[in-house]
Protein backbone atom coordinates (compact mmCIF):
# COMPACT_ATOMS: atom_id res chain seq x y z
CA MET A 1 -15.17 196.57 188.12
CA GLU A 2 -13.00 194.54 190.12
CA LEU A 3 -9.72 193.32 189.39
CA MET A 4 -11.05 189.58 189.14
CA GLN A 5 -13.74 190.71 186.89
CA ALA A 6 -11.40 192.47 184.62
CA TYR A 7 -9.05 189.37 184.34
CA GLU A 8 -12.47 187.30 183.70
CA LEU A 9 -13.03 189.59 180.42
CA ILE A 10 -9.58 189.35 179.14
CA GLU A 11 -9.61 185.66 179.72
CA MET A 12 -12.92 185.80 177.51
CA ILE A 13 -10.97 187.30 174.86
CA SER A 14 -8.18 184.80 175.32
CA SER A 15 -10.48 182.14 174.71
CA ALA A 16 -12.41 183.49 172.11
CA TYR A 17 -9.33 184.62 170.00
CA ILE A 18 -6.37 182.41 169.82
CA ASN A 19 -3.94 185.08 168.43
CA PHE A 20 -4.65 187.22 171.35
CA LYS A 21 -2.75 184.99 173.66
CA LYS A 22 0.10 185.23 171.15
CA THR A 23 0.43 188.76 171.19
CA SER A 24 -0.38 189.63 174.99
CA ASP A 25 2.55 189.84 177.15
CA GLU A 26 2.27 190.75 181.02
CA LYS A 27 2.66 194.55 180.56
CA THR A 28 -0.15 194.30 177.91
CA LEU A 29 -2.45 192.56 180.26
CA ARG A 30 -1.58 194.71 183.28
CA LEU A 31 -2.36 197.76 181.27
CA TRP A 32 -5.78 196.24 180.07
CA SER A 33 -6.68 195.34 183.66
CA ASP A 34 -5.67 199.13 184.98
CA PHE A 35 -8.04 200.48 182.31
CA LEU A 36 -10.87 197.97 182.93
CA VAL A 37 -11.10 198.44 186.63
CA ASP A 38 -12.67 201.99 185.77
CA ALA A 39 -15.30 200.46 183.35
CA ASP A 40 -18.76 199.08 184.15
CA TYR A 41 -18.36 195.05 184.36
CA GLU A 42 -21.94 194.34 183.05
CA LYS A 43 -22.07 196.84 180.38
CA SER A 44 -18.51 195.96 179.17
CA LYS A 45 -19.06 192.14 179.32
CA ALA A 46 -22.33 192.79 177.15
CA ALA A 47 -20.39 194.80 174.50
CA LEU A 48 -17.50 192.16 174.64
CA LYS A 49 -20.10 189.39 174.18
CA GLN A 50 -21.62 191.34 171.01
CA HIS A 51 -18.09 191.81 170.00
CA ILE A 52 -17.26 188.03 169.84
CA LYS A 53 -20.27 187.20 168.36
CA THR A 54 -19.98 189.60 165.50
CA LYS A 55 -16.13 190.20 164.73
CA LYS A 56 -13.42 187.96 163.87
CA PHE A 57 -10.55 189.79 165.19
CA ALA A 58 -9.74 190.57 169.10
CA PRO A 59 -11.08 193.77 170.38
CA SER A 60 -9.21 196.73 171.63
CA LEU A 61 -10.06 198.11 174.86
CA ALA A 62 -12.10 200.58 173.26
CA ASP A 63 -14.06 198.19 171.40
CA PHE A 64 -15.82 196.82 174.70
CA SER A 65 -14.78 199.05 177.80
CA ILE A 66 -17.85 200.75 178.68
CA PRO A 67 -17.30 203.68 181.51
CA ILE A 68 -19.32 203.33 184.47
CA ASN A 69 -21.72 206.09 183.52
CA ALA A 70 -21.90 205.47 180.05
CA ASP A 71 -25.10 204.43 178.13
CA LEU A 72 -24.89 200.88 176.77
CA GLU A 73 -27.60 201.72 174.05
CA ASN A 74 -25.38 204.46 172.74
CA SER A 75 -22.26 202.36 172.82
CA GLN A 76 -24.04 199.66 171.12
CA ALA A 77 -25.52 202.07 168.42
CA GLU A 78 -21.84 203.23 167.96
CA MET A 79 -20.43 199.73 167.61
CA LYS A 80 -23.47 199.02 165.15
CA ALA A 81 -22.44 202.29 162.98
CA TRP A 82 -19.06 200.74 162.74
CA GLU A 83 -20.35 197.43 161.66
CA ILE A 84 -22.28 199.20 158.89
CA ILE A 85 -19.32 201.02 157.82
CA GLU A 86 -17.12 197.94 157.97
CA GLN A 87 -19.55 195.98 155.74
CA SER A 88 -19.62 198.86 153.25
CA VAL A 89 -15.99 198.75 152.87
CA ALA A 90 -16.06 195.08 152.46
CA LYS A 91 -18.79 195.30 149.77
CA GLU A 92 -16.53 198.01 148.00
CA MET A 93 -13.58 195.66 147.75
CA GLN A 94 -15.23 192.39 147.02
CA ASN A 95 -14.10 192.82 143.35
CA TYR A 96 -10.34 193.66 144.07
CA VAL A 97 -7.64 191.65 142.54
CA PRO A 98 -4.35 191.91 143.84
CA PRO A 99 -1.41 192.42 141.35
CA ASP A 100 0.40 189.51 139.86
CA VAL A 101 3.83 189.46 141.61
CA GLU A 102 5.37 187.63 138.62
CA LYS A 103 4.27 190.29 136.27
CA MET A 104 5.87 193.09 138.53
CA PRO A 105 9.11 194.63 136.97
CA ILE A 106 11.00 193.69 140.13
CA SER A 107 14.08 191.40 140.98
CA ASP A 108 13.40 187.60 141.26
CA GLU A 109 14.53 187.84 145.09
CA LEU A 110 12.07 190.73 145.86
CA LYS A 111 9.33 188.68 144.29
CA GLN A 112 10.17 185.64 146.20
CA TYR A 113 10.12 187.77 149.55
CA LEU A 114 6.51 189.47 148.43
CA LYS A 115 5.19 185.92 147.98
CA ALA A 116 6.36 184.64 151.19
CA ASN A 117 5.28 187.45 153.42
CA ARG A 118 2.16 188.60 151.38
CA ARG A 119 -0.82 188.74 153.49
CA ASN A 120 -4.63 188.41 152.20
CA VAL A 121 -5.33 192.34 152.22
CA SER A 122 -7.92 193.79 150.05
CA THR A 123 -7.94 197.44 149.06
CA PRO A 124 -10.45 199.15 146.82
CA PHE A 125 -7.61 200.91 144.88
CA LYS A 126 -8.23 200.55 141.13
CA SER A 127 -5.70 202.29 138.81
CA LYS A 128 -6.94 205.29 136.86
CA LEU A 129 -4.16 204.97 134.27
CA THR A 130 -4.70 203.73 130.56
CA ALA A 131 -3.05 200.82 129.34
CA GLU A 132 -0.41 202.79 127.69
CA GLN A 133 0.58 204.78 130.90
CA GLU A 134 0.57 201.66 132.61
CA GLN A 135 3.12 200.49 130.36
CA GLU A 136 4.99 203.63 130.55
CA ARG A 137 4.91 203.48 134.51
CA LYS A 138 6.38 199.76 134.26
CA VAL A 139 9.17 200.93 131.94
CA PHE A 140 9.84 203.73 134.30
CA LEU A 141 10.04 201.47 137.37
CA GLN A 142 12.10 199.02 135.54
CA HIS A 143 14.52 201.80 134.86
CA GLN A 144 14.50 202.92 138.33
CA ILE A 145 15.33 199.32 139.24
CA ASP A 146 18.13 198.92 136.86
CA GLU A 147 19.66 202.07 138.12
CA LEU A 148 19.50 201.31 141.72
CA ALA A 149 21.08 197.79 140.79
CA LYS A 150 23.86 199.54 138.92
CA ARG A 151 24.61 201.72 142.08
CA GLU A 152 24.75 198.88 144.24
CA GLU A 153 27.24 197.19 142.01
CA ASN A 154 29.38 200.25 141.87
CA SER A 155 29.27 200.71 145.36
CA GLN A 156 30.70 197.19 146.21
């Protein structure tokens, strides 16, 4: 594709995904355009449109840059496969409840930090510990926290 076509695709991403503008510096844009000139414009644009329609996060180059001799149908089939995988993972993570920071055996300062910087990230992790094992783990972790606090006090 021509350089202006590459810029057009980058502009499409920038318009569709506000955060893309905030994270894209001149070096990144130059790198993207360098890679896009080796891609098929029409196929890449079609793949980008499909990504914008179905994804809430900005694409990486690999998500829409279709090489000149590549088969668009195979590329779209691959994207569809990833979509199925993403849906499966999302379904598994539906019932995940993040731990309550207030109940964690950590310092108040760390609790405040965690609350201020916590992202909404879901994970399918579920503890396989019994209630008794969880309590033992909490006691052990609190002991470690206390020991670290003592060491820090002694070093000052």
